[in-house]
Protein backbone atom coordinates (compact mmCIF):
# COMPACT_ATOMS: atom_id res chain seq x y z
CA UNK A 1 24.38 -49.57 -123.82
CA UNK A 2 22.94 -52.66 -122.49
CA UNK A 3 26.41 -53.82 -121.21
CA UNK A 4 26.28 -50.93 -118.87
CA UNK A 5 22.33 -51.79 -117.71
CA UNK A 6 23.58 -54.93 -116.77
CA UNK A 7 27.15 -53.76 -114.65
CA UNK A 8 24.92 -51.38 -112.87
CA UNK A 9 22.02 -54.22 -112.23
CA UNK A 10 24.87 -56.79 -110.79
CA UNK A 11 26.29 -53.59 -109.03
CA UNK A 12 22.88 -52.65 -107.24
CA UNK A 13 22.60 -56.66 -106.71
CA UNK A 14 25.90 -57.26 -104.67
CA UNK A 15 25.43 -53.92 -102.11
CA UNK A 16 21.87 -55.56 -101.53
CA UNK A 17 23.55 -58.70 -101.44
CA UNK A 18 26.01 -57.30 -98.73
CA UNK A 19 23.11 -55.42 -96.55
CA UNK A 20 21.44 -58.58 -96.08
CA UNK A 21 24.69 -61.05 -95.38
CA UNK A 22 26.58 -58.86 -92.54
CA UNK A 23 24.63 -57.79 -90.29
CA UNK A 24 26.42 -55.16 -87.27
CA UNK A 25 24.62 -55.11 -83.75
CA UNK A 26 25.57 -52.50 -81.18
CA UNK A 27 27.57 -52.96 -78.08
CA UNK A 28 25.00 -54.12 -74.40
CA UNK A 29 21.80 -55.56 -77.73
CA UNK A 30 21.02 -58.84 -78.92
CA UNK A 31 19.79 -59.33 -82.20
CA UNK A 32 16.89 -61.83 -82.73
CA UNK A 33 17.12 -64.13 -86.24
CA UNK A 34 14.93 -65.85 -87.83
CA UNK A 35 14.90 -68.14 -90.49
CA UNK A 36 11.89 -68.51 -92.76
CA UNK A 37 9.52 -67.44 -89.99
CA UNK A 38 11.09 -69.44 -87.07
CA UNK A 39 13.55 -68.79 -84.80
CA UNK A 40 17.16 -69.44 -85.87
CA UNK A 41 19.64 -67.79 -83.31
CA UNK A 42 20.55 -64.64 -81.69
CA UNK A 43 22.93 -62.35 -83.09
CA UNK A 44 25.91 -60.77 -79.74
CA UNK A 45 26.83 -57.61 -80.53
CA UNK A 46 29.67 -56.56 -83.31
CA UNK A 47 29.91 -58.15 -87.02
CA UNK A 48 27.50 -60.93 -87.95
CA UNK A 49 26.71 -62.41 -91.08
CA UNK A 50 23.72 -64.55 -91.63
CA UNK A 51 22.02 -66.41 -94.64
CA UNK A 52 20.82 -63.75 -97.44
CA UNK A 53 17.13 -63.58 -98.54
CA UNK A 54 16.55 -66.91 -95.47
CA UNK A 55 17.17 -65.04 -92.50
CA UNK A 56 16.19 -61.92 -91.22
CA UNK A 57 17.36 -59.98 -88.18
CA UNK A 58 13.39 -59.91 -86.74
CA UNK A 59 14.54 -57.90 -82.85
CA UNK A 60 17.20 -56.20 -81.48
CA UNK A 61 16.59 -56.13 -77.79
CA UNK A 62 18.42 -53.77 -75.42
CA UNK A 63 20.07 -55.62 -72.78
CA UNK A 64 20.72 -52.48 -71.16
CA UNK A 65 18.57 -51.73 -67.11
CA UNK A 66 15.48 -49.63 -68.26
CA UNK A 67 13.69 -46.98 -66.65
CA UNK A 68 9.93 -47.03 -67.37
CA UNK A 69 8.02 -44.00 -65.28
CA UNK A 70 4.26 -44.27 -65.72
CA UNK A 71 1.75 -41.58 -65.57
CA UNK A 72 -0.47 -41.13 -62.22
CA UNK A 73 -3.15 -43.69 -61.50
CA UNK A 74 -6.39 -43.64 -59.21
CA UNK A 75 -6.08 -45.40 -56.99
CA UNK A 76 -9.33 -45.57 -53.87
CA UNK A 77 -8.01 -46.45 -50.73
CA UNK A 78 -9.92 -48.44 -47.55
CA UNK A 79 -11.71 -45.56 -46.67
CA UNK A 80 -13.03 -44.76 -49.67
CA UNK A 81 -9.96 -42.05 -50.68
CA UNK A 82 -8.48 -41.48 -54.61
CA UNK A 83 -5.40 -41.14 -54.64
CA UNK A 84 -3.19 -40.56 -57.32
CA UNK A 85 -0.10 -43.00 -57.80
CA UNK A 86 2.99 -42.10 -59.67
CA UNK A 87 5.34 -44.93 -60.17
CA UNK A 88 8.80 -45.52 -61.73
CA UNK A 89 9.96 -49.43 -62.70
CA UNK A 90 13.88 -50.54 -62.83
CA UNK A 91 13.49 -53.40 -65.50
CA UNK A 92 16.86 -55.27 -67.04
CA UNK A 93 15.64 -57.82 -69.88
CA UNK A 94 17.64 -61.41 -69.10
CA UNK A 95 16.13 -63.61 -71.62
CA UNK A 96 15.64 -61.94 -74.77
CA UNK A 97 13.94 -65.21 -76.60
CA UNK A 98 11.33 -64.93 -73.97
CA UNK A 99 10.98 -61.44 -73.87
CA UNK A 100 10.66 -61.49 -77.78
CA UNK A 101 8.35 -64.58 -77.87
CA UNK A 102 6.87 -64.98 -74.72
CA UNK A 103 4.88 -61.71 -74.35
CA UNK A 104 3.89 -59.14 -76.74
CA UNK A 105 4.93 -56.12 -75.67
CA UNK A 106 6.74 -56.57 -72.45
CA UNK A 107 6.56 -52.74 -71.82
CA UNK A 108 2.90 -52.94 -71.72
CA UNK A 109 2.51 -55.78 -69.48
CA UNK A 110 4.96 -54.37 -66.47
CA UNK A 111 2.58 -51.02 -66.93
CA UNK A 112 -0.82 -52.97 -66.56
CA UNK A 113 1.05 -55.77 -63.84
CA UNK A 114 1.73 -52.75 -62.21
CA UNK A 115 -1.11 -50.50 -62.33
CA UNK A 116 -3.01 -53.88 -60.91
CA UNK A 117 -0.69 -54.76 -58.01
CA UNK A 118 -1.02 -51.07 -56.81
CA UNK A 119 -4.56 -50.84 -56.18
CA UNK A 120 -4.78 -53.71 -54.29
CA UNK A 121 -1.68 -52.45 -52.45
CA UNK A 122 -3.17 -49.45 -51.65
CA UNK A 123 -6.93 -50.40 -50.69
CA UNK A 124 -5.69 -52.51 -47.74
CA UNK A 125 -4.78 -48.71 -46.73
CA UNK A 126 -6.77 -45.93 -45.37
CA UNK A 127 -5.67 -42.55 -46.94
CA UNK A 128 -2.51 -42.01 -43.51
CA UNK A 129 -1.26 -45.34 -43.94
CA UNK A 130 -1.15 -45.16 -47.56
CA UNK A 131 0.72 -41.96 -47.37
CA UNK A 132 3.34 -43.02 -44.99
CA UNK A 133 3.92 -46.63 -46.19
CA UNK A 134 5.98 -45.60 -48.91
CA UNK A 135 8.21 -48.54 -48.11
CA UNK A 136 5.71 -51.05 -47.82
CA UNK A 137 4.21 -49.82 -51.16
CA UNK A 138 7.65 -50.86 -52.64
CA UNK A 139 7.95 -54.20 -51.36
CA UNK A 140 5.22 -55.17 -52.49
CA UNK A 141 4.72 -53.73 -55.92
CA UNK A 142 8.99 -55.36 -56.34
CA UNK A 143 8.00 -58.96 -55.11
CA UNK A 144 4.36 -59.68 -57.08
CA UNK A 145 6.28 -57.38 -60.28
CA UNK A 146 9.44 -59.83 -59.95
CA UNK A 147 7.42 -63.07 -59.56
CA UNK A 148 4.78 -62.40 -62.17
CA UNK A 149 7.57 -60.82 -65.37
CA UNK A 150 9.92 -63.73 -64.49
CA UNK A 151 8.97 -65.66 -66.86
CA UNK A 152 9.04 -63.10 -69.37
CA UNK A 153 12.57 -63.20 -68.92
CA UNK A 154 12.73 -59.55 -67.09
CA UNK A 155 14.32 -59.04 -64.08
CA UNK A 156 13.11 -55.98 -61.75
CA UNK A 157 15.40 -54.65 -59.86
CA UNK A 158 12.96 -51.81 -58.22
CA UNK A 159 9.79 -50.20 -57.60
CA UNK A 160 9.34 -46.51 -56.56
CA UNK A 161 6.48 -44.60 -56.07
CA UNK A 162 6.96 -41.18 -57.55
CA UNK A 163 3.84 -38.66 -55.41
CA UNK A 164 0.82 -39.92 -53.65
CA UNK A 165 -1.64 -36.59 -54.51
CA UNK A 166 -4.51 -36.84 -52.25
CA UNK A 167 -8.10 -34.93 -53.80
CA UNK A 168 -8.01 -30.75 -52.60
CA UNK A 169 -10.34 -30.93 -49.80
CA UNK A 170 -8.10 -33.85 -48.28
CA UNK A 171 -5.39 -31.65 -48.71
CA UNK A 172 -7.01 -28.52 -47.02
CA UNK A 173 -7.85 -30.68 -43.79
CA UNK A 174 -4.54 -32.01 -43.88
CA UNK A 175 -3.03 -28.62 -43.88
CA UNK A 176 -5.27 -27.50 -41.06
CA UNK A 177 -4.48 -30.65 -39.14
CA UNK A 178 -0.84 -29.60 -39.60
CA UNK A 179 -1.41 -26.41 -39.03
CA UNK A 180 -3.23 -26.89 -35.47
CA UNK A 181 -0.73 -29.96 -35.06
CA UNK A 182 2.41 -27.85 -34.62
CA UNK A 183 0.48 -24.61 -33.36
CA UNK A 184 -0.28 -27.30 -30.36
CA UNK A 185 3.64 -28.39 -30.31
CA UNK A 186 4.61 -24.53 -30.13
CA UNK A 187 2.24 -23.85 -27.14
CA UNK A 188 3.26 -26.98 -25.67
CA UNK A 189 6.66 -25.99 -26.04
CA UNK A 190 6.43 -22.37 -24.55
CA UNK A 191 4.29 -23.92 -21.70
CA UNK A 192 7.96 -26.27 -21.16
CA UNK A 193 10.67 -23.52 -21.32
CA UNK A 194 8.18 -20.69 -18.48
CA UNK A 195 8.14 -23.82 -16.75
CA UNK A 196 11.65 -24.69 -17.08
CA UNK A 197 12.38 -21.23 -16.34
CA UNK A 198 10.17 -20.54 -13.68
CA UNK A 199 12.26 -23.53 -12.00
CA UNK A 200 15.22 -22.43 -12.64
CA UNK A 201 14.39 -18.85 -11.41
CA UNK A 202 12.57 -20.30 -8.28
CA UNK A 203 15.95 -22.44 -7.96
CA UNK A 204 18.02 -19.57 -7.53
CA UNK A 205 15.84 -17.56 -6.00
CA UNK A 206 16.29 -20.45 -3.14
CA UNK A 207 19.79 -20.68 -3.75
CA UNK A 208 20.22 -17.31 -3.61
CA UNK A 209 17.76 -16.67 -0.12
CA UNK A 210 20.29 -19.71 1.37
CA UNK A 211 23.49 -17.40 0.45
CA UNK A 212 22.28 -14.92 1.71
CA UNK A 213 21.33 -16.48 5.16
CA UNK A 214 24.38 -17.92 5.15
CA UNK A 215 25.68 -14.72 4.75
CA UNK A 216 23.90 -13.11 7.39
CA UNK A 217 24.25 -15.74 9.86
CA UNK A 218 28.25 -15.56 9.34
CA UNK A 219 28.34 -11.84 9.47
CA UNK A 220 26.39 -11.54 12.88
CA UNK A 221 28.72 -13.90 14.29
CA UNK A 222 31.86 -11.68 13.22
CA UNK A 223 29.76 -8.25 14.38
CA UNK A 224 29.05 -10.44 17.94
CA UNK A 225 32.70 -12.12 17.92
CA UNK A 226 33.50 -8.48 17.15
CA UNK A 227 31.61 -6.42 19.33
CA UNK A 228 33.00 -8.99 22.69
CA UNK A 229 36.69 -8.42 21.52
CA UNK A 230 36.37 -4.78 21.33
CA UNK A 231 34.13 -5.06 24.80
CA UNK A 232 37.09 -6.78 26.59
CA UNK A 233 39.48 -4.82 25.06
CA UNK A 234 37.35 -1.71 26.17
CA UNK A 235 37.33 -3.30 29.99
CA UNK A 236 40.99 -4.20 29.70
CA UNK A 237 41.76 -0.36 28.99
CA UNK A 238 39.85 0.82 31.56
CA UNK A 239 41.02 -1.53 33.46
CA UNK A 240 44.16 -0.28 32.91
CA UNK A 241 43.82 3.08 33.04
CA UNK A 242 41.99 2.85 37.01
CA UNK A 243 45.53 0.92 37.82
CA UNK A 244 47.28 3.93 36.74
CA UNK A 245 45.41 6.81 38.01
CA UNK A 246 45.31 4.54 41.66
CA UNK A 247 48.97 4.41 40.80
CA UNK A 248 49.16 7.96 40.07
CA UNK A 249 46.88 8.84 43.26
CA UNK A 250 49.47 7.03 45.56
CA UNK A 251 53.29 7.63 43.84
CA UNK A 252 51.77 11.73 44.04
CA UNK A 253 50.83 11.48 47.93
CA UNK A 254 47.97 13.64 48.20
CA UNK A 255 48.14 16.03 51.33
CA UNK A 256 44.80 17.70 52.77
CA UNK A 257 45.72 21.18 50.98
CA UNK A 258 45.50 19.32 47.29
CA UNK A 259 42.38 17.61 47.87
CA UNK A 260 40.39 20.55 49.09
CA UNK A 261 41.98 22.37 46.30
CA UNK A 262 40.39 19.78 43.75
CA UNK A 263 37.38 20.73 45.56
CA UNK A 264 37.48 24.44 44.59
CA UNK A 265 38.27 23.53 40.95
CA UNK A 266 35.37 21.15 40.70
CA UNK A 267 32.65 24.14 41.73
CA UNK A 268 32.37 26.07 38.16
CA UNK A 269 31.87 22.97 36.76
CA UNK A 270 29.10 22.25 39.29
CA UNK A 271 27.42 25.30 38.28
CA UNK A 272 27.82 25.31 34.77
CA UNK A 273 24.88 24.92 32.17
CA UNK A 274 22.06 28.06 32.02
CA UNK A 275 19.75 26.05 33.21
CA UNK A 276 20.93 25.36 36.19
CA UNK A 277 19.42 28.03 38.86
CA UNK A 278 19.95 25.54 41.94
CA UNK A 279 23.18 23.59 42.79
CA UNK A 280 23.97 21.42 45.58
CA UNK A 281 27.06 21.84 47.48
CA UNK A 282 28.39 18.83 49.64
CA UNK A 283 29.22 19.25 53.20
CA UNK A 284 32.50 18.83 52.21
CA UNK A 285 33.26 21.49 50.60
CA UNK A 286 32.95 23.93 54.03
CA UNK A 287 35.93 21.92 55.72
CA UNK A 288 37.83 21.75 52.45
CA UNK A 289 37.73 25.49 52.69
CA UNK A 290 39.11 25.42 56.91
CA UNK A 291 42.06 22.94 55.49
CA UNK A 292 42.69 26.07 53.15
CA UNK A 293 43.65 28.52 56.49
CA UNK A 294 45.26 25.58 58.53
CA UNK A 295 47.02 22.63 57.44
CA UNK A 296 48.44 21.87 60.91
CA UNK A 297 44.73 20.70 61.91
CA UNK A 298 43.52 17.46 60.79
CA UNK A 299 40.36 17.33 58.65
CA UNK A 300 37.94 14.88 59.54
CA UNK A 301 37.45 12.25 56.09
CA UNK A 302 40.82 13.92 54.64
CA UNK A 303 43.57 11.53 55.09
CA UNK A 304 46.51 12.81 56.66
CA UNK A 305 48.91 10.30 55.49
CA UNK A 306 48.20 9.28 51.95
CA UNK A 307 51.95 7.31 51.44
CA UNK A 308 50.69 4.08 50.52
CA UNK A 309 52.01 0.87 52.26
CA UNK A 310 52.16 -1.30 49.64
CA UNK A 311 52.52 0.00 46.43
CA UNK A 312 49.64 -1.46 43.36
CA UNK A 313 51.43 -3.27 40.54
CA UNK A 314 49.83 -4.18 37.63
CA UNK A 315 51.37 -5.46 33.97
CA UNK A 316 49.91 -5.13 30.05
CA UNK A 317 47.95 -7.83 29.29
CA UNK A 318 48.41 -9.10 26.28
CA UNK A 319 45.98 -9.11 23.61
CA UNK A 320 44.29 -12.55 23.17
CA UNK A 321 45.09 -14.70 20.19
CA UNK A 322 41.88 -16.72 20.59
CA UNK A 323 37.94 -15.79 21.60
CA UNK A 324 37.59 -17.89 24.45
CA UNK A 325 41.20 -17.53 26.50
CA UNK A 326 40.51 -13.28 25.31
CA UNK A 327 37.25 -13.12 27.27
CA UNK A 328 39.31 -15.50 30.56
CA UNK A 329 42.14 -13.33 30.68
CA UNK A 330 40.05 -10.16 30.28
CA UNK A 331 38.09 -11.76 33.39
CA UNK A 332 41.00 -12.78 34.72
CA UNK A 333 43.05 -9.26 34.81
CA UNK A 334 39.56 -7.25 36.36
CA UNK A 335 38.82 -9.86 39.40
CA UNK A 336 42.82 -9.28 39.89
CA UNK A 337 42.58 -5.35 39.45
CA UNK A 338 39.03 -4.84 42.76
CA UNK A 339 41.42 -7.06 44.12
CA UNK A 340 44.68 -5.64 44.76
CA UNK A 341 41.38 -2.57 45.10
CA UNK A 342 40.47 -3.95 48.00
CA UNK A 343 43.55 -5.31 49.96
CA UNK A 344 45.43 -1.72 49.54
CA UNK A 345 41.71 0.18 50.54
CA UNK A 346 42.09 -0.46 54.84
CA UNK A 347 45.56 0.81 55.09
CA UNK A 348 44.68 4.59 54.91
CA UNK A 349 44.27 6.31 58.39
CA UNK A 350 41.43 7.55 56.81
CA UNK A 351 38.66 6.85 54.16
CA UNK A 352 38.11 9.35 50.93
CA UNK A 353 35.28 12.09 52.04
CA UNK A 354 34.00 10.80 48.77
CA UNK A 355 33.12 7.39 49.03
CA UNK A 356 33.75 6.71 52.68
CA UNK A 357 30.48 5.41 54.07
CA UNK A 358 31.21 6.99 57.54
CA UNK A 359 30.38 10.72 55.21
CA UNK A 360 27.69 12.53 56.86
CA UNK A 361 25.04 12.04 54.54
CA UNK A 362 22.25 13.40 56.69
CA UNK A 363 23.40 17.35 56.44
CA UNK A 364 20.92 18.76 54.24
CA UNK A 365 22.38 20.79 51.03
CA UNK A 366 22.71 24.02 51.11
CA UNK A 367 21.42 26.50 48.56
CA UNK A 368 22.76 29.06 46.44
């Protein structure tokens, strides 16, 4: 029985001795070993052997980059307003020995240093600058913390301001200001839109008026040209009609009987109309009636020989291709027709009683 107890004690001692001798350090961590309370060495990740009951593993330092979030801290700005600033710090232990023996609690030290530095930086800014200068605050904190924590074996990677919360009254005032500013910008944009719309509408009306005026001018020009060409063609047609009638009269060789018969045919035309109560009979009608009874004697004013001594010839005037040429050609054609008519008029022995200046005009008109 006593032998079993001894064997059990030996086994327990062996296990304890093995636990005191073999130390396993995880990856990305470092162990600080002390011998009799004094720094002995640093254990690397993996399996390590130390002297049992003499060497002691005091600390295991995490060598990874760490993130520490600090609670919101009240900070007074330059314009005496209190704001709460929440920060986040990213740091890494570079020297585990310095982090162990140079500072008692490096996380708490970093927190306190961050608070004091943040109050110094924000105390030199007003509220507007504090709310809009996050980058400046981050840069100032990083510079101060990196310089102060270097001797502690800590490297501050980044410092970020999570949030800046002003007082409730300031938030309400800022919301009202923001709302007023947005309303102002909305009114400005609306006014600019109306201004641009009015300008574009005026420009459109101007262009429309200009185009309408140009179109009206071109339309009037075209109508005037069309009226002029129509007048020229009408004058040419009338001239050709006069020439045709004049030629037909000469070709028909009219005598006294034909002219008297024409006078009789015009009498019903003169008496037409219900309102005609008094109508005038030309003096030549009596002479024309005398001519119906006797064709042997000549009537004054009626030509005995209507055969022209010279035949009137005319050619069809071609349509002009241009406005100026058509006008010139029309004027020349009309002038030629008038000249030919004047040349052929003196050939007849007696003038036409309807157009002759020798026809009596002093006789009083007969009334029916």
